[in-house]
Amino acid sequence: MSKNRTVWSSKQGDLRKKENKSTLIKSLQPQQQTVYLHRESKGRGGKAVSLVKNLTLTPADMKSLAKKLKAVCGSGGTVKDGVIEIQGDHRKKIAEALEKLGYKVKIAGG
């Protein structure tokens, strides 16, 4: 086998690295959004995770909000596929923090 591989290029460069226009999202005001809080433990070794769903935010705003919520709860978390995941069942704390920021909050699940 040859170690040299043929690479195709175009005048536009690598189109995979350019942002897709459909992924550009503008953040809505907190008063315009209804956030849903879920508790999930499937696939996590029985450990509960609080999920914050239905947010319309830019990736930077989503990351910033996740950081605030992690600080309020005193636990770790992440942002995956437009959903904020906070370790542990902290739905009440998260709901209070989001309501202070102006979001409408609905707690779902058991």
N, C-alpha and C. Protein backbone atom coordinates (compact mmCIF):
# COMPACT_ATOMS: atom_id res chain seq x y z
N MET A 1 0.82 -1.18 0.00
CA MET A 1 0.00 0.00 0.00
C MET A 1 0.86 1.25 0.00
N SER A 2 0.37 2.23 -0.68
CA SER A 2 1.07 3.51 -0.74
C SER A 2 0.66 4.39 0.42
N LYS A 3 1.60 5.11 1.00
CA LYS A 3 1.30 6.00 2.09
C LYS A 3 0.76 7.34 1.59
N ASN A 4 0.92 7.61 0.33
CA ASN A 4 0.41 8.85 -0.25
C ASN A 4 -1.04 8.66 -0.65
N ARG A 5 -1.88 9.53 -0.16
CA ARG A 5 -3.31 9.45 -0.49
C ARG A 5 -3.69 10.66 -1.30
N THR A 6 -4.54 10.47 -2.27
CA THR A 6 -5.02 11.56 -3.09
C THR A 6 -6.05 12.36 -2.31
N VAL A 7 -5.87 13.67 -2.31
CA VAL A 7 -6.79 14.55 -1.60
C VAL A 7 -7.40 15.50 -2.62
N TRP A 8 -8.72 15.61 -2.60
CA TRP A 8 -9.41 16.49 -3.52
C TRP A 8 -9.64 17.83 -2.85
N SER A 9 -9.46 18.91 -3.58
CA SER A 9 -9.71 20.24 -3.01
C SER A 9 -10.44 21.09 -4.03
N SER A 10 -11.01 22.17 -3.54
CA SER A 10 -11.73 23.09 -4.42
C SER A 10 -11.31 24.52 -4.08
N LYS A 11 -11.81 25.48 -4.83
CA LYS A 11 -11.48 26.88 -4.58
C LYS A 11 -12.06 27.36 -3.25
N GLN A 12 -13.18 26.76 -2.81
CA GLN A 12 -13.81 27.17 -1.57
C GLN A 12 -13.12 26.61 -0.34
N GLY A 13 -12.24 25.66 -0.50
CA GLY A 13 -11.58 25.04 0.65
C GLY A 13 -12.43 23.91 1.21
N ASP A 14 -12.16 23.54 2.45
CA ASP A 14 -12.87 22.44 3.10
C ASP A 14 -14.24 22.94 3.57
N LEU A 15 -15.28 22.56 2.87
CA LEU A 15 -16.63 23.02 3.18
C LEU A 15 -17.17 22.42 4.47
N ARG A 16 -16.58 21.32 4.93
CA ARG A 16 -17.05 20.70 6.16
C ARG A 16 -16.78 21.60 7.37
N LYS A 17 -15.75 22.41 7.32
CA LYS A 17 -15.38 23.25 8.45
C LYS A 17 -16.16 24.55 8.52
N LYS A 18 -16.80 24.93 7.44
CA LYS A 18 -17.57 26.17 7.45
C LYS A 18 -18.89 25.95 8.17
N GLU A 19 -19.34 27.00 8.85
CA GLU A 19 -20.59 26.88 9.61
C GLU A 19 -21.77 26.75 8.67
N ASN A 20 -22.65 25.86 9.03
CA ASN A 20 -23.87 25.67 8.27
C ASN A 20 -24.84 26.79 8.65
N LYS A 21 -25.41 27.47 7.69
CA LYS A 21 -26.29 28.59 7.99
C LYS A 21 -27.52 28.18 8.81
N SER A 22 -27.94 26.92 8.70
CA SER A 22 -29.10 26.47 9.46
C SER A 22 -28.76 26.29 10.94
N THR A 23 -27.48 26.19 11.28
CA THR A 23 -27.11 26.01 12.67
C THR A 23 -26.94 27.34 13.40
N LEU A 24 -26.96 28.45 12.66
CA LEU A 24 -26.85 29.75 13.31
C LEU A 24 -28.16 30.08 14.00
N ILE A 25 -28.13 30.17 15.31
CA ILE A 25 -29.33 30.39 16.10
C ILE A 25 -29.17 31.70 16.85
N LYS A 26 -30.23 32.47 16.89
CA LYS A 26 -30.24 33.68 17.70
C LYS A 26 -30.92 33.35 19.03
N SER A 27 -30.38 33.89 20.09
CA SER A 27 -30.97 33.65 21.41
C SER A 27 -32.27 34.42 21.55
N LEU A 28 -33.28 33.74 22.08
CA LEU A 28 -34.53 34.42 22.42
C LEU A 28 -34.42 34.98 23.83
N GLN A 29 -35.21 35.99 24.11
CA GLN A 29 -35.26 36.55 25.46
C GLN A 29 -35.82 35.51 26.42
N PRO A 30 -35.38 35.52 27.68
CA PRO A 30 -35.90 34.54 28.65
C PRO A 30 -37.42 34.58 28.79
N GLN A 31 -38.02 35.76 28.69
CA GLN A 31 -39.47 35.89 28.84
C GLN A 31 -40.22 35.21 27.70
N GLN A 32 -39.56 34.95 26.59
CA GLN A 32 -40.19 34.33 25.42
C GLN A 32 -40.04 32.81 25.41
N GLN A 33 -39.41 32.25 26.41
CA GLN A 33 -39.11 30.82 26.39
C GLN A 33 -39.75 30.08 27.57
N THR A 34 -40.20 28.87 27.29
CA THR A 34 -40.67 27.96 28.33
C THR A 34 -39.68 26.81 28.39
N VAL A 35 -39.06 26.64 29.55
CA VAL A 35 -38.02 25.63 29.73
C VAL A 35 -38.63 24.42 30.44
N TYR A 36 -38.25 23.22 30.01
CA TYR A 36 -38.72 21.99 30.64
C TYR A 36 -37.57 21.34 31.38
N LEU A 37 -37.81 20.97 32.63
CA LEU A 37 -36.82 20.29 33.45
C LEU A 37 -37.20 18.82 33.59
N HIS A 38 -36.29 17.95 33.25
CA HIS A 38 -36.51 16.51 33.33
C HIS A 38 -35.46 15.90 34.24
N ARG A 39 -35.78 14.72 34.78
CA ARG A 39 -34.83 13.92 35.54
C ARG A 39 -34.65 12.62 34.79
N GLU A 40 -33.41 12.23 34.59
CA GLU A 40 -33.15 11.01 33.83
C GLU A 40 -32.02 10.24 34.49
N SER A 41 -32.12 8.91 34.45
CA SER A 41 -31.04 8.09 35.00
C SER A 41 -30.68 6.92 34.08
N LYS A 42 -31.34 6.83 32.94
CA LYS A 42 -31.07 5.72 32.01
C LYS A 42 -29.68 5.85 31.41
N GLY A 43 -28.96 4.74 31.39
CA GLY A 43 -27.64 4.72 30.78
C GLY A 43 -26.59 5.45 31.58
N ARG A 44 -26.85 5.74 32.84
CA ARG A 44 -25.91 6.49 33.67
C ARG A 44 -25.58 5.74 34.95
N GLY A 45 -25.75 4.46 34.94
CA GLY A 45 -25.44 3.65 36.10
C GLY A 45 -26.35 3.93 37.28
N GLY A 46 -27.59 4.34 37.01
CA GLY A 46 -28.56 4.61 38.07
C GLY A 46 -28.43 5.99 38.69
N LYS A 47 -27.46 6.78 38.25
CA LYS A 47 -27.28 8.11 38.81
C LYS A 47 -28.19 9.10 38.09
N ALA A 48 -28.84 9.96 38.86
CA ALA A 48 -29.79 10.91 38.29
C ALA A 48 -29.07 12.10 37.67
N VAL A 49 -29.67 12.62 36.61
CA VAL A 49 -29.18 13.81 35.93
C VAL A 49 -30.37 14.71 35.67
N SER A 50 -30.24 16.01 35.92
CA SER A 50 -31.29 16.98 35.62
C SER A 50 -31.04 17.52 34.22
N LEU A 51 -32.08 17.48 33.38
CA LEU A 51 -31.97 17.95 32.01
C LEU A 51 -32.77 19.23 31.83
N VAL A 52 -32.17 20.23 31.22
CA VAL A 52 -32.84 21.50 30.92
C VAL A 52 -33.05 21.51 29.41
N LYS A 53 -34.32 21.39 29.00
CA LYS A 53 -34.64 21.25 27.57
C LYS A 53 -35.45 22.43 27.06
N ASN A 54 -35.53 22.52 25.74
CA ASN A 54 -36.36 23.48 25.03
C ASN A 54 -35.82 24.90 25.12
N LEU A 55 -34.50 25.05 25.13
CA LEU A 55 -33.89 26.37 25.14
C LEU A 55 -33.52 26.78 23.72
N THR A 56 -33.74 28.04 23.39
CA THR A 56 -33.33 28.58 22.11
C THR A 56 -32.25 29.61 22.40
N LEU A 57 -31.01 29.13 22.42
CA LEU A 57 -29.87 29.98 22.74
C LEU A 57 -28.71 29.68 21.79
N THR A 58 -27.84 30.65 21.63
CA THR A 58 -26.61 30.41 20.87
C THR A 58 -25.74 29.46 21.69
N PRO A 59 -24.82 28.76 21.05
CA PRO A 59 -23.95 27.86 21.82
C PRO A 59 -23.20 28.57 22.95
N ALA A 60 -22.77 29.81 22.73
CA ALA A 60 -22.05 30.55 23.78
C ALA A 60 -22.98 30.87 24.94
N ASP A 61 -24.22 31.29 24.64
CA ASP A 61 -25.19 31.60 25.70
C ASP A 61 -25.58 30.33 26.46
N MET A 62 -25.69 29.22 25.74
CA MET A 62 -26.05 27.95 26.36
C MET A 62 -24.95 27.53 27.34
N LYS A 63 -23.71 27.68 26.93
CA LYS A 63 -22.58 27.32 27.78
C LYS A 63 -22.53 28.22 29.01
N SER A 64 -22.81 29.50 28.83
CA SER A 64 -22.82 30.45 29.94
C SER A 64 -23.91 30.12 30.95
N LEU A 65 -25.11 29.81 30.45
CA LEU A 65 -26.22 29.44 31.33
C LEU A 65 -25.91 28.15 32.07
N ALA A 66 -25.31 27.19 31.39
CA ALA A 66 -24.94 25.93 32.03
C ALA A 66 -23.95 26.19 33.17
N LYS A 67 -23.02 27.09 32.96
CA LYS A 67 -22.04 27.41 34.00
C LYS A 67 -22.72 28.01 35.22
N LYS A 68 -23.69 28.91 34.99
CA LYS A 68 -24.44 29.51 36.11
C LYS A 68 -25.23 28.44 36.88
N LEU A 69 -25.88 27.55 36.15
CA LEU A 69 -26.69 26.51 36.80
C LEU A 69 -25.81 25.53 37.58
N LYS A 70 -24.65 25.20 37.04
CA LYS A 70 -23.73 24.30 37.76
C LYS A 70 -23.27 24.95 39.06
N ALA A 71 -23.04 26.26 39.02
CA ALA A 71 -22.62 26.97 40.23
C ALA A 71 -23.73 27.00 41.27
N VAL A 72 -24.97 27.21 40.81
CA VAL A 72 -26.12 27.23 41.73
C VAL A 72 -26.29 25.87 42.40
N CYS A 73 -26.12 24.80 41.63
CA CYS A 73 -26.33 23.44 42.16
C CYS A 73 -25.09 22.90 42.87
N GLY A 74 -23.95 23.48 42.62
CA GLY A 74 -22.73 22.97 43.22
C GLY A 74 -22.34 21.61 42.69
N SER A 75 -22.61 21.37 41.41
CA SER A 75 -22.26 20.07 40.82
C SER A 75 -21.81 20.27 39.38
N GLY A 76 -21.37 19.19 38.79
CA GLY A 76 -20.87 19.24 37.42
C GLY A 76 -21.99 19.13 36.41
N GLY A 77 -21.63 19.27 35.17
CA GLY A 77 -22.62 19.16 34.10
C GLY A 77 -21.99 19.45 32.76
N THR A 78 -22.82 19.43 31.73
CA THR A 78 -22.35 19.66 30.37
C THR A 78 -23.51 20.12 29.49
N VAL A 79 -23.17 20.46 28.25
CA VAL A 79 -24.19 20.78 27.23
C VAL A 79 -24.02 19.77 26.11
N LYS A 80 -25.10 19.03 25.81
CA LYS A 80 -25.07 18.05 24.73
C LYS A 80 -26.31 18.22 23.87
N ASP A 81 -26.12 18.39 22.59
CA ASP A 81 -27.22 18.46 21.62
C ASP A 81 -28.29 19.48 22.03
N GLY A 82 -27.89 20.64 22.50
CA GLY A 82 -28.84 21.68 22.86
C GLY A 82 -29.56 21.44 24.17
N VAL A 83 -29.09 20.50 24.98
CA VAL A 83 -29.69 20.18 26.28
C VAL A 83 -28.62 20.36 27.35
N ILE A 84 -28.96 21.07 28.41
CA ILE A 84 -28.03 21.23 29.52
C ILE A 84 -28.25 20.07 30.49
N GLU A 85 -27.18 19.36 30.82
CA GLU A 85 -27.23 18.24 31.76
C GLU A 85 -26.49 18.63 33.02
N ILE A 86 -27.18 18.56 34.17
CA ILE A 86 -26.57 18.85 35.46
C ILE A 86 -26.59 17.57 36.28
N GLN A 87 -25.46 17.19 36.85
CA GLN A 87 -25.37 15.95 37.61
C GLN A 87 -26.19 16.05 38.90
N GLY A 88 -27.04 15.06 39.13
CA GLY A 88 -27.87 15.02 40.33
C GLY A 88 -29.27 15.55 40.04
N ASP A 89 -30.18 15.31 40.99
CA ASP A 89 -31.56 15.77 40.85
C ASP A 89 -31.69 17.13 41.53
N HIS A 90 -31.48 18.19 40.75
CA HIS A 90 -31.50 19.56 41.27
C HIS A 90 -32.60 20.39 40.59
N ARG A 91 -33.69 19.75 40.24
CA ARG A 91 -34.72 20.45 39.46
C ARG A 91 -35.29 21.65 40.18
N LYS A 92 -35.49 21.56 41.49
CA LYS A 92 -36.07 22.70 42.22
C LYS A 92 -35.11 23.88 42.24
N LYS A 93 -33.84 23.63 42.50
CA LYS A 93 -32.83 24.71 42.50
C LYS A 93 -32.72 25.34 41.12
N ILE A 94 -32.70 24.50 40.09
CA ILE A 94 -32.59 24.99 38.72
C ILE A 94 -33.81 25.82 38.36
N ALA A 95 -35.01 25.35 38.75
CA ALA A 95 -36.25 26.06 38.46
C ALA A 95 -36.22 27.45 39.10
N GLU A 96 -35.79 27.54 40.36
CA GLU A 96 -35.73 28.83 41.04
C GLU A 96 -34.75 29.77 40.34
N ALA A 97 -33.58 29.24 39.96
CA ALA A 97 -32.58 30.07 39.29
C ALA A 97 -33.07 30.57 37.93
N LEU A 98 -33.73 29.69 37.17
CA LEU A 98 -34.23 30.08 35.85
C LEU A 98 -35.36 31.09 35.96
N GLU A 99 -36.23 30.93 36.97
CA GLU A 99 -37.32 31.88 37.16
C GLU A 99 -36.79 33.26 37.53
N LYS A 100 -35.71 33.31 38.30
CA LYS A 100 -35.08 34.59 38.63
C LYS A 100 -34.53 35.28 37.39
N LEU A 101 -34.08 34.46 36.41
CA LEU A 101 -33.56 35.00 35.17
C LEU A 101 -34.66 35.39 34.20
N GLY A 102 -35.92 35.01 34.52
CA GLY A 102 -37.04 35.41 33.68
C GLY A 102 -37.64 34.32 32.82
N TYR A 103 -37.16 33.09 32.92
CA TYR A 103 -37.69 31.99 32.13
C TYR A 103 -38.99 31.45 32.76
N LYS A 104 -39.87 30.93 31.90
CA LYS A 104 -41.03 30.18 32.37
C LYS A 104 -40.57 28.73 32.50
N VAL A 105 -40.84 28.11 33.65
CA VAL A 105 -40.29 26.77 33.90
C VAL A 105 -41.40 25.78 34.15
N LYS A 106 -41.28 24.60 33.55
CA LYS A 106 -42.19 23.48 33.80
C LYS A 106 -41.34 22.29 34.19
N ILE A 107 -41.69 21.69 35.34
CA ILE A 107 -40.97 20.51 35.80
C ILE A 107 -41.72 19.27 35.30
N ALA A 108 -40.99 18.42 34.57
CA ALA A 108 -41.60 17.22 34.00
C ALA A 108 -40.94 15.99 34.59
N GLY A 109 -41.61 14.89 34.54
CA GLY A 109 -41.05 13.62 34.99
C GLY A 109 -41.15 13.43 36.49
N GLY A 110 -40.78 12.24 36.95
CA GLY A 110 -40.93 11.90 38.35
C GLY A 110 -39.69 11.84 39.08
